[in-house]
């Protein structure tokens, strides 16, 4: 349950970046962890790869 709440909060913040209400991001953020869990090891690999790619991109982004 806590994972769904955290996912929804993160999704809401991501969706608010474009000026919308954040509801779509909250729904996506709450459902993605459940979907990845259902995929089993493949979901774990996909989720880890996504997080690693985001971390890599943020480190390589030019500092302002």
C-alpha atoms as a PDB file:
ATOM      1  CA  UNK A   1       0.000   0.000   0.000  1.00  0.00           C
ATOM      2  CA  UNK A   2       2.798   2.423   0.813  1.00  0.00           C
ATOM      3  CA  UNK A   3       4.402   1.674  -2.560  1.00  0.00           C
ATOM      4  CA  UNK A   4       1.205   2.701  -4.336  1.00  0.00           C
ATOM      5  CA  UNK A   5       1.059   5.959  -2.394  1.00  0.00           C
ATOM      6  CA  UNK A   6       4.689   6.782  -3.137  1.00  0.00           C
ATOM      7  CA  UNK A   7       4.203   5.877  -6.802  1.00  0.00           C
ATOM      8  CA  UNK A   8       1.137   8.088  -7.003  1.00  0.00           C
ATOM      9  CA  UNK A   9       2.980  11.021  -5.429  1.00  0.00           C
ATOM     10  CA  UNK A  10       5.911  10.661  -7.808  1.00  0.00           C
ATOM     11  CA  UNK A  11       3.572  10.317 -10.794  1.00  0.00           C
ATOM     12  CA  UNK A  12       1.646  13.399  -9.742  1.00  0.00           C
ATOM     13  CA  UNK A  13       4.822  15.464  -9.529  1.00  0.00           C
ATOM     14  CA  UNK A  14       5.938  14.277 -12.959  1.00  0.00           C
ATOM     15  CA  UNK A  15       2.565  15.144 -14.490  1.00  0.00           C
ATOM     16  CA  UNK A  16       2.459  18.583 -12.864  1.00  0.00           C
ATOM     17  CA  UNK A  17       5.619  19.606 -14.711  1.00  0.00           C
ATOM     18  CA  UNK A  18       3.592  20.219 -17.861  1.00  0.00           C
ATOM     19  CA  UNK A  19       0.982  22.326 -16.042  1.00  0.00           C
ATOM     20  CA  UNK A  20      -1.814  19.772 -15.777  1.00  0.00           C
ATOM     21  CA  UNK A  21      -3.596  18.809 -12.586  1.00  0.00           C
ATOM     22  CA  UNK A  22      -1.465  15.742 -11.938  1.00  0.00           C
ATOM     23  CA  UNK A  23      -4.330  13.245 -11.787  1.00  0.00           C
ATOM     24  CA  UNK A  24      -3.139  11.290 -14.821  1.00  0.00           C
ATOM     25  CA  UNK A  25       0.354  10.999 -13.367  1.00  0.00           C
ATOM     26  CA  UNK A  26      -1.019   9.891 -10.004  1.00  0.00           C
ATOM     27  CA  UNK A  27      -3.041   7.115 -11.628  1.00  0.00           C
ATOM     28  CA  UNK A  28      -0.089   5.978 -13.724  1.00  0.00           C
ATOM     29  CA  UNK A  29       2.225   6.161 -10.718  1.00  0.00           C
ATOM     30  CA  UNK A  30      -0.129   4.003  -8.660  1.00  0.00           C
ATOM     31  CA  UNK A  31      -0.614   1.325 -11.324  1.00  0.00           C
ATOM     32  CA  UNK A  32       2.920   0.924 -12.690  1.00  0.00           C
ATOM     33  CA  UNK A  33       4.397  -0.719  -9.545  1.00  0.00           C
ATOM     34  CA  UNK A  34       1.561  -3.262  -9.519  1.00  0.00           C
ATOM     35  CA  UNK A  35       2.068  -4.060 -13.192  1.00  0.00           C
ATOM     36  CA  UNK A  36       5.812  -4.468 -12.763  1.00  0.00           C
ATOM     37  CA  UNK A  37       5.232  -6.759  -9.791  1.00  0.00           C
ATOM     38  CA  UNK A  38       2.900  -8.949 -11.863  1.00  0.00           C
ATOM     39  CA  UNK A  39       5.524  -9.334 -14.557  1.00  0.00           C
ATOM     40  CA  UNK A  40       7.841 -10.973 -12.029  1.00  0.00           C
ATOM     41  CA  UNK A  41      11.564 -10.966 -12.788  1.00  0.00           C
ATOM     42  CA  UNK A  42      11.013  -9.296 -16.156  1.00  0.00           C
ATOM     43  CA  UNK A  43       9.198  -6.426 -14.421  1.00  0.00           C
ATOM     44  CA  UNK A  44      12.047  -6.071 -11.958  1.00  0.00           C
ATOM     45  CA  UNK A  45      14.547  -5.881 -14.806  1.00  0.00           C
ATOM     46  CA  UNK A  46      12.441  -3.368 -16.757  1.00  0.00           C
ATOM     47  CA  UNK A  47      11.875  -1.188 -13.691  1.00  0.00           C
ATOM     48  CA  UNK A  48      15.548  -1.276 -12.737  1.00  0.00           C
ATOM     49  CA  UNK A  49      16.615  -0.438 -16.276  1.00  0.00           C
ATOM     50  CA  UNK A  50      14.257   2.542 -16.346  1.00  0.00           C
ATOM     51  CA  UNK A  51      15.566   3.889 -13.041  1.00  0.00           C
ATOM     52  CA  UNK A  52      19.176   3.350 -14.137  1.00  0.00           C
ATOM     53  CA  UNK A  53      18.559   5.189 -17.429  1.00  0.00           C
ATOM     54  CA  UNK A  54      16.977   8.135 -15.601  1.00  0.00           C
ATOM     55  CA  UNK A  55      19.891   8.297 -13.149  1.00  0.00           C
ATOM     56  CA  UNK A  56      22.411   8.124 -16.000  1.00  0.00           C
ATOM     57  CA  UNK A  57      20.649  10.869 -17.943  1.00  0.00           C
ATOM     58  CA  UNK A  58      20.452  13.154 -14.907  1.00  0.00           C
ATOM     59  CA  UNK A  59      24.192  12.732 -14.229  1.00  0.00           C
ATOM     60  CA  UNK A  60      25.091  13.465 -17.864  1.00  0.00           C
ATOM     61  CA  UNK A  61      22.808  16.516 -18.115  1.00  0.00           C
ATOM     62  CA  UNK A  62      24.686  19.826 -18.226  1.00  0.00           C
ATOM     63  CA  UNK A  63      24.772  21.622 -14.903  1.00  0.00           C
ATOM     64  CA  UNK A  64      23.371  25.133 -14.922  1.00  0.00           C
END
